[in-house]
Amino acid sequence: MKSINEITHLQLRCKLTHSSLKAAERNAPDPTATYAEIISLKKQVDRMKWHVCRLSEFCENPIPGVERCLLLPGNDLNKSDLERKASAITELLSAKEDEAAEKNIILEEVFVLDDKMM
């Protein structure tokens, strides 16, 4: 009697194990499809590497004879106009430096007075 119960119990365990394996097999990804996807992705990476090398080469060595500058509207100033503009900017800069120096002197005086009040 004991052996029949054991056999029945083992048969049930075998059926459960078999059904568990079938369920796992259904849920497991197909290894051949995964392998094919990996191969496809490797090919894409290789193509992108080729494109990157090509673009890098183009950036380093552009096609000869092709202008790579953008012409902006307007005219450049002549030399005398540029010199006048540079001197005007230099004078403005000097005036701003003088203002900053005066403000620093006033600020130092305020700090000194503040220290004396405390």
PDB file of N, CA and C in Angstrom:
ATOM      1  N   MET A   1       0.806  -1.184   0.000  1.00  0.00           N
ATOM      2  CA  MET A   1       0.000   0.000   0.000  1.00  0.00           C
ATOM      3  C   MET A   1       0.860   1.263   0.000  1.00  0.00           C
ATOM      4  N   LYS A   2       1.898   1.171   0.795  1.00  0.00           N
ATOM      5  CA  LYS A   2       2.789   2.310   0.875  1.00  0.00           C
ATOM      6  C   LYS A   2       3.463   2.561  -0.467  1.00  0.00           C
ATOM      7  N   SER A   3       3.878   1.569  -1.163  1.00  0.00           N
ATOM      8  CA  SER A   3       4.560   1.734  -2.432  1.00  0.00           C
ATOM      9  C   SER A   3       3.614   2.272  -3.503  1.00  0.00           C
ATOM     10  N   ILE A   4       2.327   1.898  -3.458  1.00  0.00           N
ATOM     11  CA  ILE A   4       1.363   2.419  -4.428  1.00  0.00           C
ATOM     12  C   ILE A   4       1.161   3.912  -4.201  1.00  0.00           C
ATOM     13  N   ASN A   5       1.077   4.302  -2.940  1.00  0.00           N
ATOM     14  CA  ASN A   5       0.952   5.734  -2.610  1.00  0.00           C
ATOM     15  C   ASN A   5       2.198   6.499  -3.061  1.00  0.00           C
ATOM     16  N   GLU A   6       3.331   5.901  -2.860  1.00  0.00           N
ATOM     17  CA  GLU A   6       4.575   6.561  -3.279  1.00  0.00           C
ATOM     18  C   GLU A   6       4.623   6.698  -4.793  1.00  0.00           C
ATOM     19  N   ILE A   7       4.194   5.639  -5.494  1.00  0.00           N
ATOM     20  CA  ILE A   7       4.200   5.682  -6.957  1.00  0.00           C
ATOM     21  C   ILE A   7       3.213   6.754  -7.443  1.00  0.00           C
ATOM     22  N   THR A   8       2.058   6.808  -6.871  1.00  0.00           N
ATOM     23  CA  THR A   8       1.055   7.803  -7.237  1.00  0.00           C
ATOM     24  C   THR A   8       1.585   9.212  -6.969  1.00  0.00           C
ATOM     25  N   HIS A   9       2.203   9.344  -5.817  1.00  0.00           N
ATOM     26  CA  HIS A   9       2.778  10.645  -5.450  1.00  0.00           C
ATOM     27  C   HIS A   9       3.881  11.050  -6.446  1.00  0.00           C
ATOM     28  N   LEU A  10       4.734  10.106  -6.811  1.00  0.00           N
ATOM     29  CA  LEU A  10       5.795  10.398  -7.775  1.00  0.00           C
ATOM     30  C   LEU A  10       5.216  10.724  -9.158  1.00  0.00           C
ATOM     31  N   GLN A  11       4.146  10.017  -9.549  1.00  0.00           N
ATOM     32  CA  GLN A  11       3.520  10.309 -10.841  1.00  0.00           C
ATOM     33  C   GLN A  11       2.952  11.731 -10.855  1.00  0.00           C
ATOM     34  N   LEU A  12       2.335  12.134  -9.756  1.00  0.00           N
ATOM     35  CA  LEU A  12       1.793  13.485  -9.667  1.00  0.00           C
ATOM     36  C   LEU A  12       2.913  14.536  -9.741  1.00  0.00           C
ATOM     37  N   ARG A  13       3.996  14.247  -9.043  1.00  0.00           N
ATOM     38  CA  ARG A  13       5.135  15.177  -9.084  1.00  0.00           C
ATOM     39  C   ARG A  13       5.715  15.271 -10.486  1.00  0.00           C
ATOM     40  N   CYS A  14       5.779  14.136 -11.194  1.00  0.00           N
ATOM     41  CA  CYS A  14       6.277  14.137 -12.576  1.00  0.00           C
ATOM     42  C   CYS A  14       5.355  14.956 -13.470  1.00  0.00           C
ATOM     43  N   LYS A  15       4.042  14.819 -13.308  1.00  0.00           N
ATOM     44  CA  LYS A  15       3.097  15.589 -14.107  1.00  0.00           C
ATOM     45  C   LYS A  15       3.234  17.083 -13.820  1.00  0.00           C
ATOM     46  N   LEU A  16       3.368  17.430 -12.542  1.00  0.00           N
ATOM     47  CA  LEU A  16       3.539  18.840 -12.171  1.00  0.00           C
ATOM     48  C   LEU A  16       4.844  19.407 -12.749  1.00  0.00           C
ATOM     49  N   THR A  17       5.900  18.624 -12.658  1.00  0.00           N
ATOM     50  CA  THR A  17       7.186  19.069 -13.194  1.00  0.00           C
ATOM     51  C   THR A  17       7.102  19.227 -14.703  1.00  0.00           C
ATOM     52  N   HIS A  18       6.439  18.272 -15.353  1.00  0.00           N
ATOM     53  CA  HIS A  18       6.280  18.331 -16.800  1.00  0.00           C
ATOM     54  C   HIS A  18       5.478  19.576 -17.211  1.00  0.00           C
ATOM     55  N   SER A  19       4.380  19.852 -16.506  1.00  0.00           N
ATOM     56  CA  SER A  19       3.574  21.035 -16.838  1.00  0.00           C
ATOM     57  C   SER A  19       4.349  22.320 -16.534  1.00  0.00           C
ATOM     58  N   SER A  20       5.153  22.323 -15.485  1.00  0.00           N
ATOM     59  CA  SER A  20       5.978  23.494 -15.173  1.00  0.00           C
ATOM     60  C   SER A  20       7.000  23.734 -16.279  1.00  0.00           C
ATOM     61  N   LEU A  21       7.610  22.658 -16.773  1.00  0.00           N
ATOM     62  CA  LEU A  21       8.585  22.796 -17.861  1.00  0.00           C
ATOM     63  C   LEU A  21       7.918  23.304 -19.134  1.00  0.00           C
ATOM     64  N   LYS A  22       6.722  22.805 -19.440  1.00  0.00           N
ATOM     65  CA  LYS A  22       5.999  23.269 -20.631  1.00  0.00           C
ATOM     66  C   LYS A  22       5.676  24.756 -20.511  1.00  0.00           C
ATOM     67  N   ALA A  23       5.229  25.198 -19.314  1.00  0.00           N
ATOM     68  CA  ALA A  23       4.903  26.606 -19.108  1.00  0.00           C
ATOM     69  C   ALA A  23       6.164  27.464 -19.249  1.00  0.00           C
ATOM     70  N   ALA A  24       7.268  26.998 -18.690  1.00  0.00           N
ATOM     71  CA  ALA A  24       8.513  27.740 -18.799  1.00  0.00           C
ATOM     72  C   ALA A  24       8.974  27.807 -20.249  1.00  0.00           C
ATOM     73  N   GLU A  25       8.779  26.739 -20.978  1.00  0.00           N
ATOM     74  CA  GLU A  25       9.158  26.698 -22.397  1.00  0.00           C
ATOM     75  C   GLU A  25       8.329  27.689 -23.205  1.00  0.00           C
ATOM     76  N   ARG A  26       7.039  27.805 -22.875  1.00  0.00           N
ATOM     77  CA  ARG A  26       6.181  28.759 -23.580  1.00  0.00           C
ATOM     78  C   ARG A  26       6.582  30.200 -23.262  1.00  0.00           C
ATOM     79  N   ASN A  27       6.983  30.468 -22.028  1.00  0.00           N
ATOM     80  CA  ASN A  27       7.316  31.827 -21.609  1.00  0.00           C
ATOM     81  C   ASN A  27       8.752  32.232 -21.968  1.00  0.00           C
ATOM     82  N   ALA A  28       9.600  31.254 -22.192  1.00  0.00           N
ATOM     83  CA  ALA A  28      11.000  31.565 -22.489  1.00  0.00           C
ATOM     84  C   ALA A  28      11.120  32.137 -23.898  1.00  0.00           C
ATOM     85  N   PRO A  29      12.011  33.119 -24.079  1.00  0.00           N
ATOM     86  CA  PRO A  29      12.183  33.666 -25.427  1.00  0.00           C
ATOM     87  C   PRO A  29      12.842  32.646 -26.340  1.00  0.00           C
ATOM     88  N   ASP A  30      12.544  32.793 -27.607  1.00  0.00           N
ATOM     89  CA  ASP A  30      13.109  31.902 -28.610  1.00  0.00           C
ATOM     90  C   ASP A  30      14.578  32.277 -28.807  1.00  0.00           C
ATOM     91  N   PRO A  31      15.518  31.383 -28.514  1.00  0.00           N
ATOM     92  CA  PRO A  31      16.927  31.746 -28.607  1.00  0.00           C
ATOM     93  C   PRO A  31      17.370  32.047 -30.037  1.00  0.00           C
ATOM     94  N   THR A  32      16.755  31.406 -31.032  1.00  0.00           N
ATOM     95  CA  THR A  32      17.163  31.684 -32.408  1.00  0.00           C
ATOM     96  C   THR A  32      16.721  33.082 -32.829  1.00  0.00           C
ATOM     97  N   ALA A  33      15.533  33.518 -32.370  1.00  0.00           N
ATOM     98  CA  ALA A  33      15.070  34.874 -32.682  1.00  0.00           C
ATOM     99  C   ALA A  33      15.946  35.908 -31.975  1.00  0.00           C
ATOM    100  N   THR A  34      16.314  35.623 -30.745  1.00  0.00           N
ATOM    101  CA  THR A  34      17.185  36.535 -30.007  1.00  0.00           C
ATOM    102  C   THR A  34      18.544  36.627 -30.682  1.00  0.00           C
ATOM    103  N   TYR A  35      19.074  35.505 -31.127  1.00  0.00           N
ATOM    104  CA  TYR A  35      20.364  35.490 -31.810  1.00  0.00           C
ATOM    105  C   TYR A  35      20.280  36.286 -33.117  1.00  0.00           C
ATOM    106  N   ALA A  36      19.186  36.112 -33.861  1.00  0.00           N
ATOM    107  CA  ALA A  36      19.013  36.855 -35.116  1.00  0.00           C
ATOM    108  C   ALA A  36      18.914  38.358 -34.836  1.00  0.00           C
ATOM    109  N   GLU A  37      18.243  38.729 -33.761  1.00  0.00           N
ATOM    110  CA  GLU A  37      18.143  40.148 -33.404  1.00  0.00           C
ATOM    111  C   GLU A  37      19.506  40.704 -33.027  1.00  0.00           C
ATOM    112  N   ILE A  38      20.299  39.933 -32.307  1.00  0.00           N
ATOM    113  CA  ILE A  38      21.658  40.368 -31.936  1.00  0.00           C
ATOM    114  C   ILE A  38      22.503  40.573 -33.191  1.00  0.00           C
ATOM    115  N   ILE A  39      22.411  39.668 -34.131  1.00  0.00           N
ATOM    116  CA  ILE A  39      23.158  39.799 -35.395  1.00  0.00           C
ATOM    117  C   ILE A  39      22.720  41.057 -36.135  1.00  0.00           C
ATOM    118  N   SER A  40      21.403  41.300 -36.183  1.00  0.00           N
ATOM    119  CA  SER A  40      20.881  42.487 -36.857  1.00  0.00           C
ATOM    120  C   SER A  40      21.386  43.764 -36.181  1.00  0.00           C
ATOM    121  N   LEU A  41      21.385  43.782 -34.859  1.00  0.00           N
ATOM    122  CA  LEU A  41      21.864  44.959 -34.130  1.00  0.00           C
ATOM    123  C   LEU A  41      23.358  45.182 -34.352  1.00  0.00           C
ATOM    124  N   LYS A  42      24.128  44.091 -34.416  1.00  0.00           N
ATOM    125  CA  LYS A  42      25.564  44.231 -34.685  1.00  0.00           C
ATOM    126  C   LYS A  42      25.800  44.823 -36.063  1.00  0.00           C
ATOM    127  N   LYS A  43      24.996  44.402 -37.049  1.00  0.00           N
ATOM    128  CA  LYS A  43      25.121  44.967 -38.396  1.00  0.00           C
ATOM    129  C   LYS A  43      24.781  46.455 -38.387  1.00  0.00           C
ATOM    130  N   GLN A  44      23.739  46.836 -37.641  1.00  0.00           N
ATOM    131  CA  GLN A  44      23.375  48.251 -37.546  1.00  0.00           C
ATOM    132  C   GLN A  44      24.503  49.061 -36.908  1.00  0.00           C
ATOM    133  N   VAL A  45      25.108  48.515 -35.865  1.00  0.00           N
ATOM    134  CA  VAL A  45      26.224  49.205 -35.202  1.00  0.00           C
ATOM    135  C   VAL A  45      27.381  49.377 -36.172  1.00  0.00           C
ATOM    136  N   ASP A  46      27.674  48.347 -36.941  1.00  0.00           N
ATOM    137  CA  ASP A  46      28.757  48.447 -37.923  1.00  0.00           C
ATOM    138  C   ASP A  46      28.460  49.511 -38.974  1.00  0.00           C
ATOM    139  N   ARG A  47      27.198  49.570 -39.445  1.00  0.00           N
ATOM    140  CA  ARG A  47      26.833  50.602 -40.426  1.00  0.00           C
ATOM    141  C   ARG A  47      26.965  51.997 -39.827  1.00  0.00           C
ATOM    142  N   MET A  48      26.535  52.157 -38.578  1.00  0.00           N
ATOM    143  CA  MET A  48      26.625  53.469 -37.928  1.00  0.00           C
ATOM    144  C   MET A  48      28.087  53.861 -37.700  1.00  0.00           C
ATOM    145  N   LYS A  49      28.937  52.894 -37.374  1.00  0.00           N
ATOM    146  CA  LYS A  49      30.369  53.184 -37.220  1.00  0.00           C
ATOM    147  C   LYS A  49      30.946  53.673 -38.537  1.00  0.00           C
ATOM    148  N   TRP A  50      30.535  53.042 -39.639  1.00  0.00           N
ATOM    149  CA  TRP A  50      31.013  53.461 -40.952  1.00  0.00           C
ATOM    150  C   TRP A  50      30.576  54.896 -41.248  1.00  0.00           C
ATOM    151  N   HIS A  51      29.286  55.216 -40.942  1.00  0.00           N
ATOM    152  CA  HIS A  51      28.783  56.574 -41.161  1.00  0.00           C
ATOM    153  C   HIS A  51      29.535  57.591 -40.300  1.00  0.00           C
ATOM    154  N   VAL A  52      29.801  57.239 -39.056  1.00  0.00           N
ATOM    155  CA  VAL A  52      30.528  58.149 -38.162  1.00  0.00           C
ATOM    156  C   VAL A  52      31.933  58.390 -38.697  1.00  0.00           C
ATOM    157  N   CYS A  53      32.603  57.344 -39.145  1.00  0.00           N
ATOM    158  CA  CYS A  53      33.952  57.511 -39.720  1.00  0.00           C
ATOM    159  C   CYS A  53      33.902  58.398 -40.951  1.00  0.00           C
ATOM    160  N   ARG A  54      32.905  58.194 -41.793  1.00  0.00           N
ATOM    161  CA  ARG A  54      32.768  59.000 -43.012  1.00  0.00           C
ATOM    162  C   ARG A  54      32.527  60.468 -42.683  1.00  0.00           C
ATOM    163  N   LEU A  55      31.620  60.729 -41.728  1.00  0.00           N
ATOM    164  CA  LEU A  55      31.338  62.112 -41.342  1.00  0.00           C
ATOM    165  C   LEU A  55      32.537  62.758 -40.655  1.00  0.00           C
ATOM    166  N   SER A  56      33.234  61.981 -39.846  1.00  0.00           N
ATOM    167  CA  SER A  56      34.431  62.506 -39.186  1.00  0.00           C
ATOM    168  C   SER A  56      35.489  62.873 -40.214  1.00  0.00           C
ATOM    169  N   GLU A  57      35.664  62.012 -41.200  1.00  0.00           N
ATOM    170  CA  GLU A  57      36.625  62.291 -42.271  1.00  0.00           C
ATOM    171  C   GLU A  57      36.223  63.542 -43.037  1.00  0.00           C
ATOM    172  N   PHE A  58      34.929  63.704 -43.303  1.00  0.00           N
ATOM    173  CA  PHE A  58      34.459  64.879 -44.023  1.00  0.00           C
ATOM    174  C   PHE A  58      34.701  66.151 -43.215  1.00  0.00           C
ATOM    175  N   CYS A  59      34.497  66.064 -41.889  1.00  0.00           N
ATOM    176  CA  CYS A  59      34.733  67.248 -41.051  1.00  0.00           C
ATOM    177  C   CYS A  59      36.217  67.606 -41.015  1.00  0.00           C
ATOM    178  N   GLU A  60      37.065  66.605 -40.948  1.00  0.00           N
ATOM    179  CA  GLU A  60      38.503  66.863 -40.891  1.00  0.00           C
ATOM    180  C   GLU A  60      39.051  67.298 -42.246  1.00  0.00           C
ATOM    181  N   ASN A  61      38.555  66.709 -43.331  1.00  0.00           N
ATOM    182  CA  ASN A  61      39.044  67.009 -44.679  1.00  0.00           C
ATOM    183  C   ASN A  61      37.853  67.289 -45.593  1.00  0.00           C
ATOM    184  N   PRO A  62      37.366  68.527 -45.577  1.00  0.00           N
ATOM    185  CA  PRO A  62      36.198  68.825 -46.412  1.00  0.00           C
ATOM    186  C   PRO A  62      36.525  68.719 -47.895  1.00  0.00           C
ATOM    187  N   ILE A  63      35.494  68.654 -48.686  1.00  0.00           N
ATOM    188  CA  ILE A  63      35.653  68.525 -50.136  1.00  0.00           C
ATOM    189  C   ILE A  63      36.342  69.786 -50.665  1.00  0.00           C
ATOM    190  N   PRO A  64      37.417  69.630 -51.426  1.00  0.00           N
ATOM    191  CA  PRO A  64      38.111  70.820 -51.929  1.00  0.00           C
ATOM    192  C   PRO A  64      37.234  71.609 -52.895  1.00  0.00           C
ATOM    193  N   GLY A  65      37.365  72.921 -52.838  1.00  0.00           N
ATOM    194  CA  GLY A  65      36.620  73.769 -53.740  1.00  0.00           C
ATOM    195  C   GLY A  65      35.246  74.152 -53.231  1.00  0.00           C
ATOM    196  N   VAL A  66      34.790  73.554 -52.146  1.00  0.00           N
ATOM    197  CA  VAL A  66      33.478  73.872 -51.608  1.00  0.00           C
ATOM    198  C   VAL A  66      33.657  74.910 -50.495  1.00  0.00           C
ATOM    199  N   GLU A  67      32.983  76.043 -50.640  1.00  0.00           N
ATOM    200  CA  GLU A  67      33.078  77.098 -49.638  1.00  0.00           C
ATOM    201  C   GLU A  67      32.273  76.700 -48.409  1.00  0.00           C
ATOM    202  N   ARG A  68      32.886  76.849 -47.252  1.00  0.00           N
ATOM    203  CA  ARG A  68      32.203  76.508 -46.011  1.00  0.00           C
ATOM    204  C   ARG A  68      31.987  77.750 -45.162  1.00  0.00           C
ATOM    205  N   CYS A  69      31.733  78.869 -45.811  1.00  0.00           N
ATOM    206  CA  CYS A  69      31.485  80.094 -45.053  1.00  0.00           C
ATOM    207  C   CYS A  69      30.126  80.646 -45.442  1.00  0.00           C
ATOM    208  N   LEU A  70      29.581  81.438 -44.563  1.00  0.00           N
ATOM    209  CA  LEU A  70      28.276  82.031 -44.784  1.00  0.00           C
ATOM    210  C   LEU A  70      28.476  83.527 -45.006  1.00  0.00           C
ATOM    211  N   LEU A  71      28.055  84.027 -46.150  1.00  0.00           N
ATOM    212  CA  LEU A  71      28.179  85.442 -46.442  1.00  0.00           C
ATOM    213  C   LEU A  71      27.034  86.191 -45.770  1.00  0.00           C
ATOM    214  N   LEU A  72      27.410  87.139 -44.924  1.00  0.00           N
ATOM    215  CA  LEU A  72      26.421  87.913 -44.196  1.00  0.00           C
ATOM    216  C   LEU A  72      26.123  89.206 -44.950  1.00  0.00           C
ATOM    217  N   PRO A  73      24.914  89.716 -44.801  1.00  0.00           N
ATOM    218  CA  PRO A  73      24.593  90.971 -45.483  1.00  0.00           C
ATOM    219  C   PRO A  73      25.328  92.143 -44.821  1.00  0.00           C
ATOM    220  N   GLY A  74      25.527  93.201 -45.559  1.00  0.00           N
ATOM    221  CA  GLY A  74      26.171  94.393 -45.021  1.00  0.00           C
ATOM    222  C   GLY A  74      27.581  94.535 -45.540  1.00  0.00           C
ATOM    223  N   ASN A  75      28.216  95.624 -45.124  1.00  0.00           N
ATOM    224  CA  ASN A  75      29.573  95.917 -45.573  1.00  0.00           C
ATOM    225  C   ASN A  75      30.499  96.052 -44.380  1.00  0.00           C
ATOM    226  N   ASP A  76      31.769  95.757 -44.596  1.00  0.00           N
ATOM    227  CA  ASP A  76      32.763  95.968 -43.554  1.00  0.00           C
ATOM    228  C   ASP A  76      33.139  97.443 -43.533  1.00  0.00           C
ATOM    229  N   LEU A  77      33.533  97.913 -42.353  1.00  0.00           N
ATOM    230  CA  LEU A  77      33.983  99.295 -42.231  1.00  0.00           C
ATOM    231  C   LEU A  77      35.388  99.431 -42.804  1.00  0.00           C
ATOM    232  N   ASN A  78      35.700 100.644 -43.297  1.00  0.00           N
ATOM    233  CA  ASN A  78      37.069 100.851 -43.788  1.00  0.00           C
ATOM    234  C   ASN A  78      37.998 101.094 -42.599  1.00  0.00           C
ATOM    235  N   LYS A  79      39.275 101.223 -42.863  1.00  0.00           N
ATOM    236  CA  LYS A  79      40.279 101.291 -41.796  1.00  0.00           C
ATOM    237  C   LYS A  79      40.075 102.510 -40.900  1.00  0.00           C
ATOM    238  N   SER A  80      39.803 103.681 -41.466  1.00  0.00           N
ATOM    239  CA  SER A  80      39.645 104.893 -40.645  1.00  0.00           C
ATOM    240  C   SER A  80      38.403 104.791 -39.757  1.00  0.00           C
ATOM    241  N   ASP A  81      37.313 104.218 -40.291  1.00  0.00           N
ATOM    242  CA  ASP A  81      36.104 104.046 -39.470  1.00  0.00           C
ATOM    243  C   ASP A  81      36.355 103.067 -38.330  1.00  0.00           C
ATOM    244  N   LEU A  82      37.096 102.003 -38.616  1.00  0.00           N
ATOM    245  CA  LEU A  82      37.427 101.042 -37.567  1.00  0.00           C
ATOM    246  C   LEU A  82      38.300 101.679 -36.487  1.00  0.00           C
ATOM    247  N   GLU A  83      39.264 102.514 -36.905  1.00  0.00           N
ATOM    248  CA  GLU A  83      40.119 103.191 -35.921  1.00  0.00           C
ATOM    249  C   GLU A  83      39.307 104.140 -35.059  1.00  0.00           C
ATOM    250  N   ARG A  84      38.356 104.896 -35.653  1.00  0.00           N
ATOM    251  CA  ARG A  84      37.500 105.795 -34.876  1.00  0.00           C
ATOM    252  C   ARG A  84      36.637 105.007 -33.891  1.00  0.00           C
ATOM    253  N   LYS A  85      36.101 103.896 -34.369  1.00  0.00           N
ATOM    254  CA  LYS A  85      35.253 103.087 -33.496  1.00  0.00           C
ATOM    255  C   LYS A  85      36.078 102.503 -32.342  1.00  0.00           C
ATOM    256  N   ALA A  86      37.297 102.042 -32.636  1.00  0.00           N
ATOM    257  CA  ALA A  86      38.158 101.478 -31.594  1.00  0.00           C
ATOM    258  C   ALA A  86      38.528 102.547 -30.569  1.00  0.00           C
ATOM    259  N   SER A  87      38.820 103.774 -31.022  1.00  0.00           N
ATOM    260  CA  SER A  87      39.177 104.830 -30.067  1.00  0.00           C
ATOM    261  C   SER A  87      37.972 105.225 -29.222  1.00  0.00           C
ATOM    262  N   ALA A  88      36.769 105.237 -29.809  1.00  0.00           N
ATOM    263  CA  ALA A  88      35.564 105.556 -29.040  1.00  0.00           C
ATOM    264  C   ALA A  88      35.324 104.491 -27.973  1.00  0.00           C
ATOM    265  N   ILE A  89      35.518 103.250 -28.324  1.00  0.00           N
ATOM    266  CA  ILE A  89      35.324 102.160 -27.359  1.00  0.00           C
ATOM    267  C   ILE A  89      36.382 102.237 -26.267  1.00  0.00           C
ATOM    268  N   THR A  90      37.622 102.603 -26.630  1.00  0.00           N
ATOM    269  CA  THR A  90      38.695 102.735 -25.643  1.00  0.00           C
ATOM    270  C   THR A  90      38.369 103.857 -24.662  1.00  0.00           C
ATOM    271  N   GLU A  91      37.869 104.999 -25.163  1.00  0.00           N
ATOM    272  CA  GLU A  91      37.486 106.103 -24.288  1.00  0.00           C
ATOM    273  C   GLU A  91      36.353 105.694 -23.354  1.00  0.00           C
ATOM    274  N   LEU A  92      35.360 104.986 -23.889  1.00  0.00           N
ATOM    275  CA  LEU A  92      34.247 104.527 -23.066  1.00  0.00           C
ATOM    276  C   LEU A  92      34.740 103.573 -21.979  1.00  0.00           C
ATOM    277  N   LEU A  93      35.640 102.691 -22.329  1.00  0.00           N
ATOM    278  CA  LEU A  93      36.192 101.749 -21.362  1.00  0.00           C
ATOM    279  C   LEU A  93      36.961 102.487 -20.272  1.00  0.00           C
ATOM    280  N   SER A  94      37.737 103.495 -20.667  1.00  0.00           N
ATOM    281  CA  SER A  94      38.497 104.290 -19.693  1.00  0.00           C
ATOM    282  C   SER A  94      37.554 105.008 -18.736  1.00  0.00           C
ATOM    283  N   ALA A  95      36.474 105.569 -19.264  1.00  0.00           N
ATOM    284  CA  ALA A  95      35.498 106.258 -18.418  1.00  0.00           C
ATOM    285  C   ALA A  95      34.853 105.282 -17.433  1.00  0.00           C
ATOM    286  N   LYS A  96      34.517 104.104 -17.892  1.00  0.00           N
ATOM    287  CA  LYS A  96      33.905 103.096 -17.010  1.00  0.00           C
ATOM    288  C   LYS A  96      34.887 102.656 -15.923  1.00  0.00           C
ATOM    289  N   GLU A  97      36.178 102.533 -16.274  1.00  0.00           N
ATOM    290  CA  GLU A  97      37.184 102.171 -15.276  1.00  0.00           C
ATOM    291  C   GLU A  97      37.304 103.267 -14.220  1.00  0.00           C
ATOM    292  N   ASP A  98      37.251 104.539 -14.645  1.00  0.00           N
ATOM    293  CA  ASP A  98      37.303 105.650 -13.693  1.00  0.00           C
ATOM    294  C   ASP A  98      36.095 105.623 -12.760  1.00  0.00           C
ATOM    295  N   GLU A  99      34.906 105.353 -13.317  1.00  0.00           N
ATOM    296  CA  GLU A  99      33.692 105.255 -12.487  1.00  0.00           C
ATOM    297  C   GLU A  99      33.823 104.137 -11.472  1.00  0.00           C
ATOM    298  N   ALA A 100      34.342 103.002 -11.916  1.00  0.00           N
ATOM    299  CA  ALA A 100      34.502 101.855 -11.011  1.00  0.00           C
ATOM    300  C   ALA A 100      35.491 102.196  -9.902  1.00  0.00           C
ATOM    301  N   ALA A 101      36.563 102.908 -10.228  1.00  0.00           N
ATOM    302  CA  ALA A 101      37.554 103.292  -9.208  1.00  0.00           C
ATOM    303  C   ALA A 101      36.918 104.232  -8.196  1.00  0.00           C
ATOM    304  N   GLU A 102      36.128 105.231  -8.666  1.00  0.00           N
ATOM    305  CA  GLU A 102      35.451 106.151  -7.751  1.00  0.00           C
ATOM    306  C   GLU A 102      34.494 105.410  -6.835  1.00  0.00           C
ATOM    307  N   LYS A 103      33.742 104.436  -7.386  1.00  0.00           N
ATOM    308  CA  LYS A 103      32.798 103.667  -6.575  1.00  0.00           C
ATOM    309  C   LYS A 103      33.537 102.834  -5.530  1.00  0.00           C
ATOM    310  N   ASN A 104      34.711 102.303  -5.891  1.00  0.00           N
ATOM    311  CA  ASN A 104      35.497 101.534  -4.924  1.00  0.00           C
ATOM    312  C   ASN A 104      35.984 102.428  -3.790  1.00  0.00           C
ATOM    313  N   ILE A 105      36.393 103.663  -4.104  1.00  0.00           N
ATOM    314  CA  ILE A 105      36.850 104.595  -3.063  1.00  0.00           C
ATOM    315  C   ILE A 105      35.700 104.920  -2.114  1.00  0.00           C
ATOM    316  N   ILE A 106      34.511 105.200  -2.688  1.00  0.00           N
ATOM    317  CA  ILE A 106      33.340 105.505  -1.859  1.00  0.00           C
ATOM    318  C   ILE A 106      32.980 104.308  -0.998  1.00  0.00           C
ATOM    319  N   LEU A 107      33.051 103.121  -1.567  1.00  0.00           N
ATOM    320  CA  LEU A 107      32.727 101.906  -0.822  1.00  0.00           C
ATOM    321  C   LEU A 107      33.698 101.699   0.327  1.00  0.00           C
ATOM    322  N   GLU A 108      34.975 101.949   0.111  1.00  0.00           N
ATOM    323  CA  GLU A 108      35.966 101.822   1.180  1.00  0.00           C
ATOM    324  C   GLU A 108      35.686 102.826   2.293  1.00  0.00           C
ATOM    325  N   GLU A 109      35.309 104.065   1.928  1.00  0.00           N
ATOM    326  CA  GLU A 109      34.986 105.072   2.940  1.00  0.00           C
ATOM    327  C   GLU A 109      33.779 104.653   3.765  1.00  0.00           C
ATOM    328  N   VAL A 110      32.771 104.063   3.102  1.00  0.00           N
ATOM    329  CA  VAL A 110      31.580 103.596   3.820  1.00  0.00           C
ATOM    330  C   VAL A 110      31.952 102.494   4.798  1.00  0.00           C
ATOM    331  N   PHE A 111      32.822 101.571   4.385  1.00  0.00           N
ATOM    332  CA  PHE A 111      33.252 100.497   5.288  1.00  0.00           C
ATOM    333  C   PHE A 111      34.009 101.049   6.492  1.00  0.00           C
ATOM    334  N   VAL A 112      34.868 102.038   6.222  1.00  0.00           N
ATOM    335  CA  VAL A 112      35.622 102.648   7.319  1.00  0.00           C
ATOM    336  C   VAL A 112      34.678 103.318   8.301  1.00  0.00           C
ATOM    337  N   LEU A 113      33.704 104.086   7.802  1.00  0.00           N
ATOM    338  CA  LEU A 113      32.737 104.740   8.669  1.00  0.00           C
ATOM    339  C   LEU A 113      31.887 103.725   9.428  1.00  0.00           C
ATOM    340  N   ASP A 114      31.542 102.639   8.765  1.00  0.00           N
ATOM    341  CA  ASP A 114      30.749 101.597   9.415  1.00  0.00           C
ATOM    342  C   ASP A 114      31.545 100.959  10.549  1.00  0.00           C
ATOM    343  N   ASP A 115      32.825 100.724  10.327  1.00  0.00           N
ATOM    344  CA  ASP A 115      33.667 100.131  11.376  1.00  0.00           C
ATOM    345  C   ASP A 115      33.790 101.083  12.565  1.00  0.00           C
ATOM    346  N   LYS A 116      33.872 102.390  12.298  1.00  0.00           N
ATOM    347  CA  LYS A 116      33.995 103.369  13.386  1.00  0.00           C
ATOM    348  C   LYS A 116      32.719 103.441  14.199  1.00  0.00           C
ATOM    349  N   MET A 117      31.561 103.242  13.550  1.00  0.00           N
ATOM    350  CA  MET A 117      30.282 103.323  14.258  1.00  0.00           C
ATOM    351  C   MET A 117      30.072 102.127  15.169  1.00  0.00           C
ATOM    352  N   MET A 118      30.707 101.029  14.867  1.00  0.00           N
ATOM    353  CA  MET A 118      30.501  99.828  15.691  1.00  0.00           C
ATOM    354  C   MET A 118      31.496  99.787  16.759  1.00  0.00           C
TER     355      MET A 118
END
